[in-house]
């Protein structure tokens, strides 16, 4: 079974999407590198790898309640390729799609519009939708890498990604999961605002400048 894990973050490295895929690869016992789509065009050799896959796992950050624009261009390219080559695959060879989305808001339900976009895209490509996971509090994911799985803020995340990994390996479908990290909402908000204030100071601004209107 060929599983292709796609990192759809615009960041070249150290993205939350990269961290989430790393966790999933551990549960799937996969050592293969991610396919990074951080540009608006998929190279021909990468498209060939996508088309040979039995399952696609696409991870990306939420951008304005939807898919990042560069990734949307790539999804359209995959859809066009599937329209041209769909007859080459039998119904038993249909690609299964799994989606992992993270957002900077605390609430995981913010990911639902993007999940619906991916469900419609999957259908248009002639693929099958397997499962989606929507994680709230994405700004924290890289800060909890060293927390043991299943503990503290990673409890909900561990349960969801372990279940997804099992479904991927069996090419099964599962229920959509949207959730928050196990962390107080007030603490997440405070830390985010503190980070903004520190970034403002580094750029020669004062905290009060953050409240100015253009």
Protein backbone atom coordinates (compact mmCIF):
# COMPACT_ATOMS: atom_id res chain seq x y z
CA UNK A 1 0.00 0.00 0.00
CA UNK A 2 1.40 3.37 -1.03
CA UNK A 3 0.58 6.22 1.35
CA UNK A 4 1.58 9.76 0.36
CA UNK A 5 1.61 12.35 3.12
CA UNK A 6 1.28 15.89 1.77
CA UNK A 7 2.35 18.92 3.78
CA UNK A 8 0.30 21.79 2.41
CA UNK A 9 1.66 24.50 4.69
CA UNK A 10 3.17 27.55 2.96
CA UNK A 11 6.03 27.37 5.47
CA UNK A 12 9.16 25.67 4.14
CA UNK A 13 9.92 24.07 7.53
CA UNK A 14 8.89 23.91 11.19
CA UNK A 15 5.16 24.14 10.48
CA UNK A 16 2.40 22.71 12.65
CA UNK A 17 1.31 20.61 9.65
CA UNK A 18 4.78 19.07 9.51
CA UNK A 19 4.55 18.19 13.21
CA UNK A 20 1.12 16.61 12.81
CA UNK A 21 2.28 14.50 9.87
CA UNK A 22 5.32 13.42 11.87
CA UNK A 23 3.05 12.11 14.62
CA UNK A 24 0.88 10.29 12.08
CA UNK A 25 3.89 8.73 10.37
CA UNK A 26 5.02 7.39 13.73
CA UNK A 27 1.65 5.72 14.30
CA UNK A 28 1.66 4.37 10.73
CA UNK A 29 5.29 3.21 11.09
CA UNK A 30 6.29 5.15 7.98
CA UNK A 31 9.75 6.61 7.43
CA UNK A 32 9.08 8.21 4.03
CA UNK A 33 9.49 12.01 3.78
CA UNK A 34 6.50 14.28 3.29
CA UNK A 35 5.61 15.65 -0.11
CA UNK A 36 5.79 19.40 0.50
CA UNK A 37 3.39 21.51 -1.56
CA UNK A 38 4.27 25.09 -0.64
CA UNK A 39 4.14 26.47 -4.17
CA UNK A 40 1.31 26.95 -6.65
CA UNK A 41 2.36 24.21 -9.07
CA UNK A 42 2.98 20.51 -8.57
CA UNK A 43 6.03 19.18 -10.42
CA UNK A 44 5.37 16.37 -12.92
CA UNK A 45 7.29 13.75 -10.94
CA UNK A 46 5.38 14.63 -7.76
CA UNK A 47 2.07 14.39 -9.59
CA UNK A 48 3.06 10.91 -10.75
CA UNK A 49 3.74 9.90 -7.13
CA UNK A 50 0.37 11.27 -6.03
CA UNK A 51 -1.42 9.36 -8.78
CA UNK A 52 0.28 6.06 -7.83
CA UNK A 53 -0.91 6.40 -4.22
CA UNK A 54 -3.55 4.28 -2.53
CA UNK A 55 -4.09 6.93 0.12
CA UNK A 56 -3.37 10.66 0.39
CA UNK A 57 -2.97 12.32 3.77
CA UNK A 58 -3.18 16.09 3.33
CA UNK A 59 -2.25 18.39 6.22
CA UNK A 60 -2.55 22.16 6.09
CA UNK A 61 -3.31 25.23 8.22
CA UNK A 62 -6.65 26.99 8.04
CA UNK A 63 -6.48 30.25 6.07
CA UNK A 64 -9.56 32.49 6.33
CA UNK A 65 -11.79 29.48 7.13
CA UNK A 66 -10.57 27.58 4.07
CA UNK A 67 -7.63 26.12 2.15
CA UNK A 68 -4.44 28.20 1.64
CA UNK A 69 -4.50 29.73 -1.86
CA UNK A 70 -1.32 28.03 -3.08
CA UNK A 71 -2.66 24.62 -1.99
CA UNK A 72 -6.00 25.32 -3.65
CA UNK A 73 -4.12 25.79 -6.94
CA UNK A 74 -2.45 22.42 -6.40
CA UNK A 75 -5.76 20.73 -5.61
CA UNK A 76 -7.21 22.09 -8.85
CA UNK A 77 -4.20 20.67 -10.70
CA UNK A 78 -4.76 17.25 -9.12
CA UNK A 79 -8.46 17.43 -10.04
CA UNK A 80 -7.63 18.19 -13.67
CA UNK A 81 -5.13 15.33 -13.76
CA UNK A 82 -7.70 12.96 -12.26
CA UNK A 83 -10.26 14.00 -14.87
CA UNK A 84 -7.80 13.09 -17.64
CA UNK A 85 -6.50 9.85 -16.15
CA UNK A 86 -9.39 8.58 -14.04
CA UNK A 87 -10.16 5.74 -16.45
CA UNK A 88 -6.74 4.24 -15.64
CA UNK A 89 -7.91 3.20 -12.16
CA UNK A 90 -10.57 0.64 -11.22
CA UNK A 91 -13.09 1.25 -8.43
CA UNK A 92 -10.97 -1.00 -6.18
CA UNK A 93 -7.97 1.25 -6.84
CA UNK A 94 -9.70 4.49 -5.89
CA UNK A 95 -7.51 6.87 -3.89
CA UNK A 96 -8.64 7.38 -0.30
CA UNK A 97 -8.22 10.91 1.10
CA UNK A 98 -7.51 11.80 4.72
CA UNK A 99 -7.25 15.39 5.91
CA UNK A 100 -5.59 16.98 8.97
CA UNK A 101 -6.26 20.70 9.46
CA UNK A 102 -5.06 22.98 12.24
CA UNK A 103 -6.16 26.51 12.98
CA UNK A 104 -4.87 29.32 15.17
CA UNK A 105 -8.23 29.81 16.85
CA UNK A 106 -8.77 27.81 20.02
CA UNK A 107 -11.93 26.07 18.77
CA UNK A 108 -11.50 23.07 16.52
CA UNK A 109 -14.93 23.57 14.95
CA UNK A 110 -13.47 26.52 12.99
CA UNK A 111 -12.03 23.88 10.64
CA UNK A 112 -15.41 22.57 9.48
CA UNK A 113 -15.79 24.81 6.37
CA UNK A 114 -12.36 23.70 5.11
CA UNK A 115 -13.21 20.07 5.82
CA UNK A 116 -16.34 20.44 3.70
CA UNK A 117 -14.24 21.97 0.90
CA UNK A 118 -11.97 18.93 0.97
CA UNK A 119 -14.92 16.54 0.94
CA UNK A 120 -16.34 18.23 -2.18
CA UNK A 121 -12.89 18.28 -3.84
CA UNK A 122 -12.45 14.56 -3.15
CA UNK A 123 -15.75 13.79 -4.84
CA UNK A 124 -14.91 15.96 -7.87
CA UNK A 125 -11.65 14.03 -8.30
CA UNK A 126 -13.44 10.69 -8.21
CA UNK A 127 -11.60 9.75 -5.01
CA UNK A 128 -13.10 8.52 -1.71
CA UNK A 129 -13.07 10.57 1.46
CA UNK A 130 -11.66 8.65 4.40
CA UNK A 131 -11.61 10.93 7.42
CA UNK A 132 -10.86 14.45 8.62
CA UNK A 133 -9.29 15.74 11.82
CA UNK A 134 -9.62 19.42 12.71
CA UNK A 135 -7.35 20.66 15.52
CA UNK A 136 -7.92 23.93 17.36
CA UNK A 137 -5.08 25.79 19.04
CA UNK A 138 -2.65 25.10 16.22
CA UNK A 139 -0.32 27.84 17.40
CA UNK A 140 0.64 25.58 20.29
CA UNK A 141 1.40 22.36 18.41
CA UNK A 142 5.12 22.96 17.91
CA UNK A 143 5.52 23.93 21.56
CA UNK A 144 4.24 20.58 22.87
CA UNK A 145 6.39 18.27 20.73
CA UNK A 146 8.17 16.86 23.76
CA UNK A 147 5.00 16.19 25.75
CA UNK A 148 4.45 12.39 25.88
CA UNK A 149 1.63 11.11 23.68
CA UNK A 150 -1.67 10.81 25.47
CA UNK A 151 -0.69 13.20 28.25
CA UNK A 152 -1.53 16.81 29.08
CA UNK A 153 -2.42 18.98 26.07
CA UNK A 154 -1.81 16.07 23.65
CA UNK A 155 -4.52 13.77 25.00
CA UNK A 156 -7.25 14.58 22.43
CA UNK A 157 -4.67 14.88 19.64
CA UNK A 158 -3.20 11.46 20.39
CA UNK A 159 -6.59 9.73 20.39
CA UNK A 160 -7.65 11.31 17.09
CA UNK A 161 -4.40 10.70 15.19
CA UNK A 162 -4.03 7.12 16.43
CA UNK A 163 -7.52 6.36 15.20
CA UNK A 164 -6.80 8.01 11.87
CA UNK A 165 -3.54 6.07 11.48
CA UNK A 166 -5.43 2.80 11.95
CA UNK A 167 -7.98 3.82 9.33
CA UNK A 168 -5.25 4.87 6.88
CA UNK A 169 -3.43 1.54 7.16
CA UNK A 170 -6.67 -0.35 6.54
CA UNK A 171 -7.91 2.16 3.96
CA UNK A 172 -11.07 2.58 6.03
CA UNK A 173 -13.33 5.56 6.60
CA UNK A 174 -13.86 7.21 9.97
CA UNK A 175 -15.89 9.97 11.58
CA UNK A 176 -14.78 13.58 11.33
CA UNK A 177 -13.10 14.73 14.55
CA UNK A 178 -12.89 18.40 15.53
CA UNK A 179 -11.48 19.26 18.93
CA UNK A 180 -9.27 21.52 21.01
CA UNK A 181 -5.96 20.70 22.64
CA UNK A 182 -6.33 19.84 26.32
CA UNK A 183 -5.39 23.27 27.56
CA UNK A 184 -7.34 26.17 29.13
CA UNK A 185 -8.77 28.60 26.58
CA UNK A 186 -7.88 31.62 28.73
CA UNK A 187 -4.23 30.49 28.97
CA UNK A 188 -4.00 29.96 25.19
CA UNK A 189 -5.42 33.44 24.59
CA UNK A 190 -3.06 35.04 27.11
CA UNK A 191 0.01 33.37 25.61
CA UNK A 192 -1.02 34.36 22.07
CA UNK A 193 -1.45 38.00 23.09
CA UNK A 194 1.85 37.94 24.97
CA UNK A 195 3.55 36.66 21.82
CA UNK A 196 2.06 39.50 19.78
CA UNK A 197 3.31 42.06 22.29
CA UNK A 198 6.83 40.61 22.19
CA UNK A 199 6.79 40.59 18.37
CA UNK A 200 5.63 44.23 18.38
CA UNK A 201 8.50 45.26 20.65
CA UNK A 202 11.04 43.51 18.43
CA UNK A 203 9.74 45.59 15.54
CA UNK A 204 9.97 48.89 17.39
CA UNK A 205 6.32 49.14 18.40
CA UNK A 206 4.57 49.45 21.73
CA UNK A 207 1.74 47.26 23.00
CA UNK A 208 -0.76 50.12 22.56
CA UNK A 209 0.11 50.26 18.85
CA UNK A 210 -1.61 46.89 18.40
CA UNK A 211 -4.96 48.56 19.07
CA UNK A 212 -4.55 51.32 16.49
CA UNK A 213 -6.88 51.31 13.52
CA UNK A 214 -5.57 51.96 10.02
